Amino acid sequence: MTALTIRLPESLHKEIKRLAQAEGVSINQFLTLAAAEKISALRTIDYLRAEASKGSRADFEAFLAAVPDVEPMEEDRLE
């Protein structure tokens, strides 16, 4: 493991401490998880952009045009 010293505004530190306590974890665990979640989000964006660049708008629109225009099943409704 590597130790890291950071400077935070007091208000941010208090909020991190409060949230960590509410989650039942240490501040270190909370910040480790927060960093991992951010890395995951950024990697996901990179992956989706790379995958999107492999396709074309015309192919996407052709795929959507092939989807039948039917009402959703009862259990799938958003009412």
N, C-alpha and C. Protein backbone atom coordinates (compact mmCIF):
# COMPACT_ATOMS: atom_id res chain seq x y z
N MET A 1 0.84 -1.19 0.00
CA MET A 1 0.00 0.00 0.00
C MET A 1 0.88 1.24 0.00
N THR A 2 0.30 2.30 -0.50
CA THR A 2 0.98 3.58 -0.55
C THR A 2 0.21 4.59 0.28
N ALA A 3 0.92 5.36 1.07
CA ALA A 3 0.29 6.43 1.85
C ALA A 3 0.20 7.67 0.97
N LEU A 4 -0.88 8.41 1.14
CA LEU A 4 -1.11 9.61 0.35
C LEU A 4 -1.62 10.70 1.28
N THR A 5 -0.98 11.83 1.25
CA THR A 5 -1.42 12.96 2.05
C THR A 5 -2.10 13.96 1.13
N ILE A 6 -3.34 14.34 1.46
CA ILE A 6 -4.05 15.32 0.65
C ILE A 6 -4.60 16.43 1.54
N ARG A 7 -4.81 17.58 0.94
CA ARG A 7 -5.40 18.70 1.65
C ARG A 7 -6.83 18.86 1.14
N LEU A 8 -7.75 18.92 2.09
CA LEU A 8 -9.16 19.07 1.77
C LEU A 8 -9.74 20.27 2.49
N PRO A 9 -10.71 20.92 1.88
CA PRO A 9 -11.44 21.94 2.62
C PRO A 9 -12.13 21.28 3.82
N GLU A 10 -12.21 21.99 4.90
CA GLU A 10 -12.81 21.45 6.13
C GLU A 10 -14.21 20.91 5.88
N SER A 11 -15.00 21.64 5.08
CA SER A 11 -16.38 21.20 4.83
C SER A 11 -16.41 19.86 4.10
N LEU A 12 -15.50 19.65 3.17
CA LEU A 12 -15.45 18.38 2.44
C LEU A 12 -15.00 17.25 3.36
N HIS A 13 -14.04 17.53 4.20
CA HIS A 13 -13.57 16.53 5.15
C HIS A 13 -14.70 16.10 6.09
N LYS A 14 -15.45 17.05 6.59
CA LYS A 14 -16.57 16.74 7.48
C LYS A 14 -17.61 15.87 6.78
N GLU A 15 -17.90 16.20 5.52
CA GLU A 15 -18.89 15.43 4.78
C GLU A 15 -18.40 14.02 4.50
N ILE A 16 -17.14 13.87 4.14
CA ILE A 16 -16.57 12.53 3.93
C ILE A 16 -16.63 11.73 5.22
N LYS A 17 -16.26 12.35 6.31
CA LYS A 17 -16.29 11.67 7.61
C LYS A 17 -17.71 11.24 7.96
N ARG A 18 -18.68 12.11 7.73
CA ARG A 18 -20.08 11.80 8.03
C ARG A 18 -20.57 10.64 7.18
N LEU A 19 -20.26 10.68 5.89
CA LEU A 19 -20.72 9.62 4.98
C LEU A 19 -20.03 8.30 5.29
N ALA A 20 -18.75 8.34 5.61
CA ALA A 20 -18.03 7.11 5.96
C ALA A 20 -18.65 6.48 7.20
N GLN A 21 -18.95 7.29 8.19
CA GLN A 21 -19.58 6.77 9.41
C GLN A 21 -20.94 6.17 9.10
N ALA A 22 -21.70 6.84 8.24
CA ALA A 22 -23.02 6.35 7.88
C ALA A 22 -22.93 5.01 7.13
N GLU A 23 -21.86 4.83 6.38
CA GLU A 23 -21.65 3.58 5.65
C GLU A 23 -20.99 2.52 6.51
N GLY A 24 -20.51 2.90 7.67
CA GLY A 24 -19.86 1.96 8.58
C GLY A 24 -18.46 1.56 8.14
N VAL A 25 -17.77 2.49 7.47
CA VAL A 25 -16.41 2.22 7.02
C VAL A 25 -15.49 3.34 7.47
N SER A 26 -14.20 3.10 7.39
CA SER A 26 -13.24 4.15 7.73
C SER A 26 -13.17 5.18 6.61
N ILE A 27 -12.61 6.33 6.92
CA ILE A 27 -12.41 7.35 5.89
C ILE A 27 -11.51 6.80 4.79
N ASN A 28 -10.48 6.06 5.16
CA ASN A 28 -9.59 5.46 4.15
C ASN A 28 -10.36 4.54 3.22
N GLN A 29 -11.20 3.67 3.79
CA GLN A 29 -11.99 2.77 2.96
C GLN A 29 -12.95 3.54 2.07
N PHE A 30 -13.56 4.57 2.63
CA PHE A 30 -14.51 5.38 1.87
C PHE A 30 -13.82 6.04 0.68
N LEU A 31 -12.67 6.64 0.91
CA LEU A 31 -11.96 7.32 -0.17
C LEU A 31 -11.39 6.34 -1.19
N THR A 32 -10.98 5.16 -0.73
CA THR A 32 -10.50 4.14 -1.66
C THR A 32 -11.63 3.71 -2.59
N LEU A 33 -12.80 3.47 -2.01
CA LEU A 33 -13.95 3.09 -2.82
C LEU A 33 -14.35 4.22 -3.77
N ALA A 34 -14.34 5.45 -3.29
CA ALA A 34 -14.70 6.58 -4.14
C ALA A 34 -13.75 6.70 -5.33
N ALA A 35 -12.45 6.52 -5.09
CA ALA A 35 -11.47 6.58 -6.17
C ALA A 35 -11.69 5.44 -7.16
N ALA A 36 -11.95 4.23 -6.65
CA ALA A 36 -12.19 3.08 -7.52
C ALA A 36 -13.44 3.29 -8.37
N GLU A 37 -14.49 3.86 -7.79
CA GLU A 37 -15.71 4.12 -8.54
C GLU A 37 -15.47 5.16 -9.63
N LYS A 38 -14.69 6.18 -9.35
CA LYS A 38 -14.39 7.21 -10.34
C LYS A 38 -13.57 6.62 -11.49
N ILE A 39 -12.57 5.81 -11.15
CA ILE A 39 -11.75 5.17 -12.18
C ILE A 39 -12.63 4.28 -13.06
N SER A 40 -13.53 3.53 -12.44
CA SER A 40 -14.43 2.66 -13.18
C SER A 40 -15.31 3.47 -14.14
N ALA A 41 -15.83 4.58 -13.68
CA ALA A 41 -16.68 5.43 -14.52
C ALA A 41 -15.90 5.97 -15.71
N LEU A 42 -14.69 6.44 -15.47
CA LEU A 42 -13.88 6.99 -16.56
C LEU A 42 -13.49 5.91 -17.56
N ARG A 43 -13.15 4.74 -17.07
CA ARG A 43 -12.81 3.63 -17.98
C ARG A 43 -14.03 3.20 -18.78
N THR A 44 -15.20 3.23 -18.17
CA THR A 44 -16.42 2.88 -18.89
C THR A 44 -16.69 3.86 -20.01
N ILE A 45 -16.51 5.14 -19.74
CA ILE A 45 -16.71 6.16 -20.78
C ILE A 45 -15.74 5.91 -21.93
N ASP A 46 -14.47 5.66 -21.62
CA ASP A 46 -13.48 5.38 -22.66
C ASP A 46 -13.88 4.15 -23.49
N TYR A 47 -14.33 3.11 -22.80
CA TYR A 47 -14.74 1.88 -23.49
C TYR A 47 -15.92 2.14 -24.41
N LEU A 48 -16.94 2.84 -23.90
CA LEU A 48 -18.13 3.11 -24.71
C LEU A 48 -17.80 3.98 -25.92
N ARG A 49 -16.93 4.96 -25.74
CA ARG A 49 -16.51 5.80 -26.88
C ARG A 49 -15.78 4.96 -27.92
N ALA A 50 -14.91 4.09 -27.48
CA ALA A 50 -14.17 3.23 -28.41
C ALA A 50 -15.13 2.31 -29.16
N GLU A 51 -16.08 1.72 -28.45
CA GLU A 51 -17.05 0.84 -29.10
C GLU A 51 -17.93 1.62 -30.07
N ALA A 52 -18.36 2.82 -29.67
CA ALA A 52 -19.21 3.65 -30.54
C ALA A 52 -18.48 4.03 -31.82
N SER A 53 -17.17 4.22 -31.73
CA SER A 53 -16.42 4.63 -32.92
C SER A 53 -16.31 3.50 -33.94
N LYS A 54 -16.62 2.27 -33.53
CA LYS A 54 -16.56 1.13 -34.44
C LYS A 54 -17.80 1.04 -35.33
N GLY A 55 -18.88 1.69 -34.90
CA GLY A 55 -20.14 1.61 -35.63
C GLY A 55 -20.38 2.86 -36.45
N SER A 56 -21.56 2.90 -37.05
CA SER A 56 -21.94 4.09 -37.83
C SER A 56 -23.35 4.51 -37.44
N ARG A 57 -23.65 5.75 -37.64
CA ARG A 57 -24.98 6.27 -37.35
C ARG A 57 -26.03 5.57 -38.21
N ALA A 58 -25.69 5.31 -39.46
CA ALA A 58 -26.63 4.64 -40.37
C ALA A 58 -26.97 3.24 -39.87
N ASP A 59 -25.95 2.49 -39.42
CA ASP A 59 -26.20 1.15 -38.87
C ASP A 59 -27.09 1.23 -37.63
N PHE A 60 -26.83 2.21 -36.78
CA PHE A 60 -27.62 2.38 -35.56
C PHE A 60 -29.07 2.68 -35.92
N GLU A 61 -29.29 3.59 -36.85
CA GLU A 61 -30.65 3.95 -37.23
C GLU A 61 -31.36 2.78 -37.92
N ALA A 62 -30.63 1.98 -38.69
CA ALA A 62 -31.23 0.80 -39.32
C ALA A 62 -31.65 -0.21 -38.25
N PHE A 63 -30.82 -0.37 -37.23
CA PHE A 63 -31.16 -1.27 -36.13
C PHE A 63 -32.43 -0.80 -35.43
N LEU A 64 -32.50 0.50 -35.13
CA LEU A 64 -33.68 1.04 -34.45
C LEU A 64 -34.93 0.91 -35.32
N ALA A 65 -34.79 1.09 -36.62
CA ALA A 65 -35.93 0.99 -37.52
C ALA A 65 -36.50 -0.42 -37.55
N ALA A 66 -35.68 -1.41 -37.24
CA ALA A 66 -36.13 -2.80 -37.26
C ALA A 66 -36.88 -3.20 -35.99
N VAL A 67 -36.85 -2.36 -34.99
CA VAL A 67 -37.55 -2.67 -33.73
C VAL A 67 -39.04 -2.48 -33.94
N PRO A 68 -39.86 -3.51 -33.64
CA PRO A 68 -41.30 -3.38 -33.85
C PRO A 68 -41.92 -2.31 -32.95
N ASP A 69 -42.90 -1.61 -33.47
CA ASP A 69 -43.60 -0.56 -32.72
C ASP A 69 -44.81 -1.19 -32.04
N VAL A 70 -44.59 -1.75 -30.86
CA VAL A 70 -45.67 -2.42 -30.12
C VAL A 70 -45.71 -1.88 -28.71
N GLU A 71 -46.84 -2.00 -28.08
CA GLU A 71 -46.99 -1.59 -26.69
C GLU A 71 -46.19 -2.54 -25.80
N PRO A 72 -45.61 -2.02 -24.71
CA PRO A 72 -44.86 -2.90 -23.80
C PRO A 72 -45.80 -3.86 -23.06
N MET A 73 -45.25 -4.97 -22.64
CA MET A 73 -46.04 -5.90 -21.83
C MET A 73 -46.45 -5.21 -20.54
N GLU A 74 -47.50 -5.67 -19.93
CA GLU A 74 -48.04 -5.04 -18.72
C GLU A 74 -46.98 -4.86 -17.63
N GLU A 75 -46.18 -5.90 -17.40
CA GLU A 75 -45.17 -5.83 -16.33
C GLU A 75 -44.00 -4.91 -16.67
N ASP A 76 -43.91 -4.44 -17.93
CA ASP A 76 -42.83 -3.55 -18.33
C ASP A 76 -43.25 -2.08 -18.39
N ARG A 77 -44.51 -1.82 -18.12
CA ARG A 77 -45.00 -0.44 -18.20
C ARG A 77 -44.42 0.42 -17.08
N LEU A 78 -44.25 1.70 -17.35
CA LEU A 78 -43.66 2.64 -16.38
C LEU A 78 -44.73 3.48 -15.68
N GLU A 79 -45.86 2.95 -15.48
CA GLU A 79 -46.95 3.71 -14.85
C GLU A 79 -46.86 3.72 -13.36
